[in-house]
N, C-alpha and C. Protein backbone atom coordinates (compact mmCIF):
# COMPACT_ATOMS: atom_id res chain seq x y z
N MET A 1 130.04 97.67 96.79
CA MET A 1 129.14 97.87 97.91
C MET A 1 128.43 96.55 98.22
N LYS A 2 128.44 96.15 99.46
CA LYS A 2 127.78 94.92 99.86
C LYS A 2 126.29 95.16 100.05
N ILE A 3 125.51 94.11 99.80
CA ILE A 3 124.07 94.20 99.96
C ILE A 3 123.68 94.24 101.43
N TYR A 4 124.52 93.68 102.28
CA TYR A 4 124.21 93.69 103.72
C TYR A 4 125.10 94.70 104.43
N THR A 5 124.48 95.40 105.39
CA THR A 5 125.21 96.43 106.14
C THR A 5 125.40 96.04 107.61
N LYS A 6 124.59 95.11 108.09
CA LYS A 6 124.57 94.65 109.48
C LYS A 6 124.04 95.71 110.45
N THR A 7 123.66 96.89 109.94
CA THR A 7 123.17 97.95 110.82
C THR A 7 121.77 97.65 111.36
N GLY A 8 121.06 96.73 110.74
CA GLY A 8 119.72 96.40 111.20
C GLY A 8 119.65 95.13 112.02
N ASP A 9 120.79 94.58 112.37
CA ASP A 9 120.82 93.30 113.07
C ASP A 9 120.17 93.34 114.45
N LYS A 10 119.99 94.51 114.99
CA LYS A 10 119.37 94.61 116.33
C LYS A 10 117.93 95.13 116.23
N GLY A 11 117.36 95.07 115.02
CA GLY A 11 115.94 95.39 114.88
C GLY A 11 115.62 96.85 114.63
N THR A 12 116.61 97.62 114.20
CA THR A 12 116.34 99.02 113.86
C THR A 12 116.77 99.29 112.42
N THR A 13 116.27 100.39 111.89
CA THR A 13 116.62 100.81 110.55
C THR A 13 116.60 102.33 110.51
N SER A 14 117.15 102.89 109.45
CA SER A 14 117.19 104.35 109.33
C SER A 14 116.14 104.84 108.35
N LEU A 15 115.48 105.94 108.73
CA LEU A 15 114.62 106.65 107.80
C LEU A 15 115.47 107.58 106.98
N ILE A 16 114.92 108.08 105.87
CA ILE A 16 115.61 109.11 105.11
C ILE A 16 115.66 110.34 106.01
N GLY A 17 116.84 110.80 106.29
CA GLY A 17 117.04 111.87 107.26
C GLY A 17 117.90 111.40 108.41
N GLY A 18 118.10 110.07 108.50
CA GLY A 18 119.04 109.52 109.47
C GLY A 18 118.44 109.02 110.77
N THR A 19 117.21 109.31 111.06
CA THR A 19 116.60 108.85 112.30
C THR A 19 116.50 107.34 112.32
N ARG A 20 116.98 106.72 113.39
CA ARG A 20 116.86 105.26 113.53
C ARG A 20 115.58 104.95 114.28
N VAL A 21 114.85 103.98 113.76
CA VAL A 21 113.59 103.55 114.37
C VAL A 21 113.55 102.03 114.37
N ALA A 22 112.65 101.48 115.20
CA ALA A 22 112.45 100.03 115.22
C ALA A 22 111.87 99.59 113.88
N LYS A 23 112.27 98.41 113.45
CA LYS A 23 111.72 97.88 112.19
C LYS A 23 110.22 97.60 112.30
N SER A 24 109.69 97.64 113.52
CA SER A 24 108.26 97.48 113.73
C SER A 24 107.52 98.82 113.74
N ASP A 25 108.23 99.93 113.54
CA ASP A 25 107.64 101.26 113.53
C ASP A 25 106.55 101.34 112.45
N LEU A 26 105.50 102.08 112.74
CA LEU A 26 104.38 102.19 111.80
C LEU A 26 104.83 102.77 110.45
N ARG A 27 105.80 103.66 110.46
CA ARG A 27 106.30 104.23 109.20
C ARG A 27 106.96 103.14 108.35
N ILE A 28 107.68 102.24 109.00
CA ILE A 28 108.31 101.12 108.28
C ILE A 28 107.23 100.18 107.75
N GLU A 29 106.21 99.92 108.57
CA GLU A 29 105.09 99.08 108.13
C GLU A 29 104.41 99.70 106.91
N ALA A 30 104.27 101.02 106.91
CA ALA A 30 103.61 101.71 105.79
C ALA A 30 104.39 101.54 104.50
N TYR A 31 105.69 101.88 104.52
CA TYR A 31 106.41 101.78 103.25
C TYR A 31 106.74 100.34 102.89
N GLY A 32 106.80 99.46 103.88
CA GLY A 32 106.98 98.04 103.58
C GLY A 32 105.77 97.45 102.88
N THR A 33 104.59 97.89 103.28
CA THR A 33 103.37 97.42 102.64
C THR A 33 103.26 97.98 101.23
N VAL A 34 103.69 99.21 101.03
CA VAL A 34 103.72 99.78 99.67
C VAL A 34 104.71 99.00 98.80
N ASP A 35 105.82 98.58 99.38
CA ASP A 35 106.78 97.76 98.64
C ASP A 35 106.16 96.41 98.27
N GLU A 36 105.44 95.81 99.19
CA GLU A 36 104.74 94.55 98.90
C GLU A 36 103.73 94.76 97.77
N LEU A 37 102.98 95.85 97.84
CA LEU A 37 102.03 96.18 96.78
C LEU A 37 102.75 96.31 95.44
N ASN A 38 103.89 96.98 95.43
CA ASN A 38 104.64 97.18 94.20
C ASN A 38 105.04 95.83 93.59
N SER A 39 105.40 94.89 94.44
CA SER A 39 105.76 93.56 93.94
C SER A 39 104.56 92.87 93.32
N TYR A 40 103.41 93.00 93.94
CA TYR A 40 102.20 92.41 93.37
C TYR A 40 101.81 93.09 92.06
N ILE A 41 102.00 94.40 91.97
CA ILE A 41 101.72 95.10 90.71
C ILE A 41 102.64 94.54 89.62
N GLY A 42 103.90 94.26 89.97
CA GLY A 42 104.81 93.64 89.01
C GLY A 42 104.30 92.29 88.55
N LEU A 43 103.75 91.51 89.46
CA LEU A 43 103.18 90.21 89.11
C LEU A 43 101.98 90.39 88.18
N VAL A 44 101.14 91.36 88.47
CA VAL A 44 99.98 91.66 87.61
C VAL A 44 100.46 92.11 86.23
N ARG A 45 101.48 92.97 86.22
CA ARG A 45 102.02 93.48 84.95
C ARG A 45 102.57 92.34 84.10
N ASP A 46 103.14 91.34 84.73
CA ASP A 46 103.75 90.22 84.01
C ASP A 46 102.75 89.24 83.41
N GLN A 47 101.48 89.40 83.72
CA GLN A 47 100.46 88.51 83.15
C GLN A 47 100.25 88.87 81.68
N GLU A 48 100.19 87.86 80.85
CA GLU A 48 100.06 88.07 79.40
C GLU A 48 98.87 88.96 79.05
N VAL A 49 97.78 88.82 79.78
CA VAL A 49 96.59 89.61 79.50
C VAL A 49 96.86 91.12 79.65
N ASN A 50 97.89 91.47 80.38
CA ASN A 50 98.19 92.89 80.62
C ASN A 50 99.33 93.43 79.76
N SER A 51 99.69 92.72 78.70
CA SER A 51 100.79 93.19 77.86
C SER A 51 100.53 94.58 77.29
N GLU A 52 99.28 94.87 76.98
CA GLU A 52 98.93 96.20 76.44
C GLU A 52 98.92 97.27 77.53
N ARG A 53 98.85 96.84 78.79
CA ARG A 53 98.81 97.79 79.92
C ARG A 53 100.14 97.87 80.66
N ALA A 54 101.17 97.26 80.13
CA ALA A 54 102.46 97.23 80.83
C ALA A 54 102.98 98.63 81.12
N THR A 55 102.78 99.57 80.22
CA THR A 55 103.29 100.93 80.41
C THR A 55 102.61 101.61 81.59
N ILE A 56 101.29 101.53 81.67
CA ILE A 56 100.58 102.16 82.79
C ILE A 56 100.93 101.46 84.10
N LEU A 57 101.09 100.15 84.07
CA LEU A 57 101.44 99.43 85.30
C LEU A 57 102.86 99.78 85.75
N LYS A 58 103.78 99.99 84.82
CA LYS A 58 105.13 100.45 85.18
C LYS A 58 105.06 101.85 85.78
N GLU A 59 104.21 102.70 85.22
CA GLU A 59 104.02 104.06 85.76
C GLU A 59 103.51 103.98 87.20
N ILE A 60 102.57 103.09 87.46
CA ILE A 60 102.05 102.90 88.81
C ILE A 60 103.17 102.44 89.73
N GLN A 61 103.99 101.51 89.27
CA GLN A 61 105.10 101.04 90.09
C GLN A 61 106.06 102.18 90.41
N ASP A 62 106.31 103.04 89.45
CA ASP A 62 107.16 104.20 89.69
C ASP A 62 106.56 105.10 90.76
N ARG A 63 105.25 105.34 90.67
CA ARG A 63 104.58 106.19 91.67
C ARG A 63 104.64 105.53 93.04
N LEU A 64 104.57 104.20 93.09
CA LEU A 64 104.66 103.52 94.38
C LEU A 64 106.05 103.66 94.99
N PHE A 65 107.09 103.69 94.15
CA PHE A 65 108.42 103.98 94.67
C PHE A 65 108.47 105.39 95.24
N THR A 66 107.81 106.32 94.58
CA THR A 66 107.73 107.70 95.08
C THR A 66 107.04 107.71 96.44
N ILE A 67 105.91 107.03 96.55
CA ILE A 67 105.18 106.97 97.80
C ILE A 67 106.04 106.32 98.88
N GLY A 68 106.74 105.25 98.51
CA GLY A 68 107.64 104.61 99.47
C GLY A 68 108.69 105.56 99.99
N ALA A 69 109.27 106.36 99.11
CA ALA A 69 110.29 107.34 99.51
C ALA A 69 109.68 108.39 100.43
N LEU A 70 108.47 108.84 100.12
CA LEU A 70 107.81 109.83 100.97
C LEU A 70 107.53 109.26 102.35
N LEU A 71 107.08 108.01 102.39
CA LEU A 71 106.79 107.39 103.68
C LEU A 71 108.06 107.04 104.46
N ALA A 72 109.16 106.81 103.78
CA ALA A 72 110.42 106.45 104.43
C ALA A 72 111.20 107.66 104.92
N THR A 73 110.66 108.84 104.71
CA THR A 73 111.36 110.07 105.08
C THR A 73 110.90 110.55 106.44
N ASP A 74 111.86 110.89 107.29
CA ASP A 74 111.55 111.49 108.58
C ASP A 74 111.05 112.91 108.31
N PRO A 75 109.76 113.17 108.53
CA PRO A 75 109.21 114.47 108.15
C PRO A 75 109.79 115.63 108.96
N GLU A 76 110.41 115.34 110.08
CA GLU A 76 110.93 116.40 110.94
C GLU A 76 112.42 116.65 110.75
N LYS A 77 113.14 115.71 110.16
CA LYS A 77 114.60 115.85 110.10
C LYS A 77 115.21 115.85 108.71
N SER A 78 114.53 115.26 107.74
CA SER A 78 115.16 115.11 106.44
C SER A 78 115.18 116.42 105.67
N LYS A 79 116.33 116.70 105.10
CA LYS A 79 116.49 117.86 104.23
C LYS A 79 116.68 117.41 102.78
N MET A 80 116.67 116.08 102.58
CA MET A 80 116.85 115.53 101.24
C MET A 80 115.63 115.79 100.39
N LYS A 81 115.86 116.04 99.12
CA LYS A 81 114.76 116.19 98.18
C LYS A 81 114.27 114.79 97.82
N THR A 82 112.96 114.60 97.94
CA THR A 82 112.36 113.32 97.58
C THR A 82 111.53 113.50 96.32
N PRO A 83 111.30 112.41 95.59
CA PRO A 83 110.44 112.52 94.41
C PRO A 83 109.06 113.01 94.85
N ASP A 84 108.33 113.57 93.93
CA ASP A 84 107.03 114.08 94.33
C ASP A 84 105.90 113.44 93.54
N LEU A 85 104.76 113.45 94.17
CA LEU A 85 103.53 112.92 93.63
C LEU A 85 102.71 114.13 93.16
N HIS A 86 101.97 113.97 92.09
CA HIS A 86 101.17 115.08 91.55
C HIS A 86 99.71 114.67 91.44
N GLU A 87 98.85 115.65 91.49
CA GLU A 87 97.41 115.41 91.31
C GLU A 87 97.15 114.73 89.97
N GLU A 88 97.99 115.01 88.97
CA GLU A 88 97.84 114.38 87.65
C GLU A 88 98.02 112.86 87.72
N ASP A 89 98.77 112.39 88.72
CA ASP A 89 98.94 110.95 88.89
C ASP A 89 97.61 110.30 89.26
N VAL A 90 96.84 110.98 90.09
CA VAL A 90 95.50 110.49 90.47
C VAL A 90 94.56 110.59 89.26
N THR A 91 94.65 111.69 88.54
CA THR A 91 93.81 111.90 87.36
C THR A 91 94.04 110.79 86.33
N LEU A 92 95.28 110.39 86.13
CA LEU A 92 95.58 109.30 85.19
C LEU A 92 94.86 108.02 85.61
N LEU A 93 94.89 107.70 86.88
CA LEU A 93 94.18 106.51 87.35
C LEU A 93 92.68 106.63 87.09
N GLU A 94 92.13 107.80 87.36
CA GLU A 94 90.70 108.01 87.14
C GLU A 94 90.33 107.85 85.66
N GLN A 95 91.17 108.36 84.79
CA GLN A 95 90.92 108.22 83.35
C GLN A 95 90.93 106.75 82.94
N GLU A 96 91.90 106.01 83.45
CA GLU A 96 92.00 104.58 83.13
C GLU A 96 90.80 103.81 83.69
N ILE A 97 90.37 104.17 84.90
CA ILE A 97 89.19 103.54 85.49
C ILE A 97 87.97 103.78 84.61
N ASP A 98 87.80 105.03 84.18
CA ASP A 98 86.64 105.37 83.34
C ASP A 98 86.63 104.58 82.03
N ILE A 99 87.80 104.43 81.43
CA ILE A 99 87.89 103.67 80.17
C ILE A 99 87.50 102.21 80.41
N MET A 100 88.06 101.60 81.46
CA MET A 100 87.79 100.18 81.71
C MET A 100 86.34 99.95 82.11
N THR A 101 85.78 100.80 82.96
CA THR A 101 84.40 100.56 83.40
C THR A 101 83.40 100.78 82.29
N ALA A 102 83.74 101.60 81.31
CA ALA A 102 82.84 101.80 80.17
C ALA A 102 82.79 100.56 79.27
N GLU A 103 83.78 99.68 79.40
CA GLU A 103 83.89 98.52 78.53
C GLU A 103 83.40 97.22 79.16
N VAL A 104 82.98 97.27 80.42
CA VAL A 104 82.48 96.06 81.09
C VAL A 104 81.03 96.29 81.49
N PRO A 105 80.26 95.21 81.68
CA PRO A 105 78.86 95.38 82.08
C PRO A 105 78.76 96.11 83.43
N PRO A 106 77.68 96.84 83.64
CA PRO A 106 77.50 97.52 84.93
C PRO A 106 77.49 96.49 86.07
N LEU A 107 78.00 96.89 87.19
CA LEU A 107 78.08 96.00 88.34
C LEU A 107 76.84 96.18 89.20
N ARG A 108 76.17 95.10 89.52
CA ARG A 108 74.94 95.16 90.30
C ARG A 108 75.04 94.38 91.61
N ALA A 109 76.20 93.78 91.86
CA ALA A 109 76.39 92.99 93.08
C ALA A 109 77.89 92.93 93.38
N PHE A 110 78.22 92.49 94.58
CA PHE A 110 79.63 92.27 94.91
C PHE A 110 80.15 91.11 94.08
N VAL A 111 81.44 91.15 93.78
CA VAL A 111 82.07 90.11 92.96
C VAL A 111 83.01 89.30 93.84
N LEU A 112 82.92 87.98 93.74
CA LEU A 112 83.87 87.14 94.47
C LEU A 112 85.21 87.18 93.76
N PRO A 113 86.30 87.41 94.50
CA PRO A 113 87.62 87.40 93.87
C PRO A 113 87.90 86.04 93.23
N GLY A 114 88.51 86.06 92.06
CA GLY A 114 88.89 84.82 91.39
C GLY A 114 88.36 84.75 89.97
N GLY A 115 88.26 83.54 89.48
CA GLY A 115 87.78 83.30 88.12
C GLY A 115 88.90 82.94 87.16
N ASN A 116 90.09 83.39 87.46
CA ASN A 116 91.27 83.12 86.64
C ASN A 116 92.48 83.48 87.50
N GLN A 117 93.57 82.75 87.36
CA GLN A 117 94.74 83.01 88.20
C GLN A 117 95.24 84.45 88.05
N SER A 118 95.25 84.97 86.83
CA SER A 118 95.72 86.34 86.61
C SER A 118 94.82 87.34 87.32
N VAL A 119 93.53 87.12 87.28
CA VAL A 119 92.58 88.00 87.96
C VAL A 119 92.78 87.89 89.47
N SER A 120 93.02 86.69 89.95
CA SER A 120 93.25 86.50 91.39
C SER A 120 94.47 87.27 91.86
N PHE A 121 95.54 87.27 91.06
CA PHE A 121 96.73 88.06 91.42
C PHE A 121 96.36 89.53 91.56
N CYS A 122 95.52 90.02 90.66
CA CYS A 122 95.12 91.42 90.69
C CYS A 122 94.26 91.72 91.92
N HIS A 123 93.39 90.77 92.30
CA HIS A 123 92.59 90.96 93.52
C HIS A 123 93.49 91.01 94.75
N ILE A 124 94.54 90.19 94.77
CA ILE A 124 95.47 90.25 95.90
C ILE A 124 96.15 91.62 95.94
N ALA A 125 96.57 92.12 94.80
CA ALA A 125 97.17 93.46 94.74
C ALA A 125 96.19 94.51 95.27
N ARG A 126 94.92 94.38 94.89
CA ARG A 126 93.90 95.33 95.37
C ARG A 126 93.78 95.28 96.88
N CYS A 127 93.78 94.10 97.45
CA CYS A 127 93.67 93.96 98.91
C CYS A 127 94.90 94.53 99.62
N VAL A 128 96.08 94.29 99.08
CA VAL A 128 97.31 94.84 99.67
C VAL A 128 97.28 96.37 99.57
N CYS A 129 96.74 96.89 98.47
CA CYS A 129 96.61 98.33 98.30
C CYS A 129 95.71 98.91 99.37
N ARG A 130 94.60 98.26 99.64
CA ARG A 130 93.69 98.72 100.70
C ARG A 130 94.39 98.72 102.06
N ARG A 131 95.19 97.68 102.32
CA ARG A 131 95.94 97.62 103.58
C ARG A 131 96.95 98.74 103.66
N ALA A 132 97.66 99.00 102.55
CA ALA A 132 98.64 100.10 102.53
C ALA A 132 97.94 101.42 102.82
N GLU A 133 96.77 101.61 102.26
CA GLU A 133 96.00 102.84 102.50
C GLU A 133 95.62 102.95 103.97
N ARG A 134 95.13 101.86 104.57
CA ARG A 134 94.75 101.90 106.00
C ARG A 134 95.95 102.23 106.88
N ILE A 135 97.09 101.63 106.58
CA ILE A 135 98.29 101.89 107.38
C ILE A 135 98.74 103.33 107.21
N ALA A 136 98.69 103.84 105.98
CA ALA A 136 99.08 105.25 105.74
C ALA A 136 98.15 106.20 106.48
N ILE A 137 96.86 105.88 106.53
CA ILE A 137 95.92 106.72 107.27
C ILE A 137 96.24 106.68 108.76
N HIS A 138 96.52 105.50 109.27
CA HIS A 138 96.90 105.37 110.68
C HIS A 138 98.17 106.17 110.97
N LEU A 139 99.15 106.07 110.10
CA LEU A 139 100.38 106.83 110.27
C LEU A 139 100.09 108.33 110.25
N GLN A 140 99.20 108.75 109.36
CA GLN A 140 98.86 110.18 109.25
C GLN A 140 98.24 110.71 110.55
N GLU A 141 97.59 109.84 111.30
CA GLU A 141 97.02 110.24 112.58
C GLU A 141 98.11 110.55 113.61
N LEU A 142 99.32 110.03 113.39
CA LEU A 142 100.41 110.17 114.34
C LEU A 142 101.56 111.05 113.86
N SER A 143 101.70 111.16 112.54
CA SER A 143 102.86 111.83 111.96
C SER A 143 102.47 112.36 110.58
N PRO A 144 103.14 113.40 110.10
CA PRO A 144 102.76 113.94 108.79
C PRO A 144 102.90 112.93 107.65
N VAL A 145 101.83 112.82 106.87
CA VAL A 145 101.79 112.05 105.62
C VAL A 145 101.00 112.91 104.65
N GLU A 146 101.55 113.12 103.47
CA GLU A 146 100.86 113.94 102.48
C GLU A 146 99.49 113.36 102.14
N ASP A 147 98.49 114.23 102.09
CA ASP A 147 97.13 113.80 101.74
C ASP A 147 97.10 113.11 100.39
N LEU A 148 97.95 113.55 99.46
CA LEU A 148 97.96 112.99 98.12
C LEU A 148 98.40 111.52 98.12
N VAL A 149 99.22 111.12 99.08
CA VAL A 149 99.62 109.72 99.20
C VAL A 149 98.38 108.86 99.45
N ILE A 150 97.56 109.29 100.37
CA ILE A 150 96.36 108.53 100.72
C ILE A 150 95.37 108.56 99.57
N LYS A 151 95.22 109.70 98.95
CA LYS A 151 94.31 109.82 97.80
C LYS A 151 94.75 108.88 96.67
N TYR A 152 96.05 108.85 96.39
CA TYR A 152 96.57 107.99 95.32
C TYR A 152 96.30 106.52 95.64
N LEU A 153 96.59 106.10 96.87
CA LEU A 153 96.37 104.70 97.24
C LEU A 153 94.89 104.34 97.16
N ASN A 154 94.02 105.26 97.56
CA ASN A 154 92.59 105.02 97.47
C ASN A 154 92.17 104.82 96.02
N ARG A 155 92.62 105.71 95.14
CA ARG A 155 92.25 105.61 93.73
C ARG A 155 92.88 104.39 93.09
N LEU A 156 94.10 104.03 93.52
CA LEU A 156 94.76 102.86 92.96
C LEU A 156 93.97 101.59 93.27
N SER A 157 93.40 101.49 94.46
CA SER A 157 92.60 100.30 94.76
C SER A 157 91.37 100.25 93.86
N ASP A 158 90.79 101.42 93.56
CA ASP A 158 89.67 101.46 92.61
C ASP A 158 90.13 101.03 91.22
N TYR A 159 91.30 101.51 90.82
CA TYR A 159 91.86 101.13 89.52
C TYR A 159 92.04 99.61 89.45
N LEU A 160 92.59 99.04 90.52
CA LEU A 160 92.85 97.60 90.52
C LEU A 160 91.55 96.80 90.45
N PHE A 161 90.50 97.29 91.10
CA PHE A 161 89.21 96.61 91.00
C PHE A 161 88.69 96.67 89.56
N ALA A 162 88.77 97.85 88.96
CA ALA A 162 88.35 97.99 87.56
C ALA A 162 89.19 97.09 86.66
N LEU A 163 90.47 97.00 86.94
CA LEU A 163 91.36 96.14 86.15
C LEU A 163 90.96 94.67 86.32
N CYS A 164 90.61 94.26 87.52
CA CYS A 164 90.16 92.88 87.73
C CYS A 164 88.96 92.58 86.84
N ARG A 165 88.02 93.49 86.80
CA ARG A 165 86.82 93.27 85.99
C ARG A 165 87.17 93.22 84.50
N LYS A 166 88.05 94.12 84.07
CA LYS A 166 88.45 94.16 82.66
C LYS A 166 89.22 92.90 82.28
N MET A 167 90.12 92.46 83.15
CA MET A 167 90.88 91.24 82.89
C MET A 167 89.93 90.04 82.81
N THR A 168 88.95 89.99 83.70
CA THR A 168 87.97 88.90 83.69
C THR A 168 87.28 88.84 82.33
N GLN A 169 86.88 90.01 81.83
CA GLN A 169 86.22 90.08 80.53
C GLN A 169 87.16 89.61 79.42
N GLU A 170 88.36 90.14 79.40
CA GLU A 170 89.31 89.82 78.33
C GLU A 170 89.70 88.34 78.33
N LEU A 171 89.75 87.74 79.51
CA LEU A 171 90.14 86.33 79.62
C LEU A 171 88.96 85.39 79.41
N GLY A 172 87.77 85.96 79.26
CA GLY A 172 86.58 85.12 79.09
C GLY A 172 86.27 84.33 80.35
N ALA A 173 86.70 84.83 81.49
CA ALA A 173 86.47 84.15 82.75
C ALA A 173 85.09 84.52 83.28
N GLU A 174 84.59 83.69 84.16
CA GLU A 174 83.29 83.96 84.76
C GLU A 174 83.46 84.95 85.91
N GLU A 175 82.63 85.98 85.91
CA GLU A 175 82.59 86.92 87.03
C GLU A 175 81.47 86.43 87.95
N ILE A 176 81.86 85.91 89.09
CA ILE A 176 80.90 85.32 90.01
C ILE A 176 80.48 86.36 91.02
N THR A 177 79.18 86.65 91.04
CA THR A 177 78.68 87.62 92.02
C THR A 177 78.33 86.92 93.32
N TRP A 178 78.44 87.66 94.37
CA TRP A 178 78.13 87.16 95.70
C TRP A 178 76.62 87.12 95.88
N LYS A 179 76.13 85.97 96.27
CA LYS A 179 74.71 85.81 96.57
C LYS A 179 74.60 85.45 98.05
N PRO A 180 74.33 86.49 98.87
CA PRO A 180 74.30 86.23 100.31
C PRO A 180 73.23 85.21 100.70
N ARG A 181 73.58 84.36 101.63
CA ARG A 181 72.65 83.37 102.14
C ARG A 181 71.84 84.03 103.25
N ILE A 182 70.58 84.17 103.02
CA ILE A 182 69.74 84.85 104.01
C ILE A 182 68.64 83.91 104.45
């Protein structure tokens, strides 16, 4: 099987279910952004500081593939069975957030992204996650998107913020708070 099909050479692609849409379609933008997020999660997972968290980060990547499949499906035409997301997937993120936030000092101000390259990669993943969530919400205004997809992306951005703080602590990096100029 060749990697190229040439079927998208004129700017269209197929959703799961066979419907052809423009590659600029909001549904394509949604699952493309989730794919971008998944790549950044892989980059975060590959950081040495996250060796102990590799399993949970792989689990998150798996869930993002599930979300991508859900977003890539034509909700009106597909009869294919797609992987499913569960409320327990959100609960797992919440449990991990609770563990990490209990181990870092309480936050009393906004934090400037950065402090260490590994932490910066995680902040980028968090920002891409927020964008994926916004696009999924926009898509939901126009076409069916499972509420759990949006809930998962929302909680994942919280998880990534908590992870940034935990990584900062573990790396001994400085957590720089924002001091607004007034």
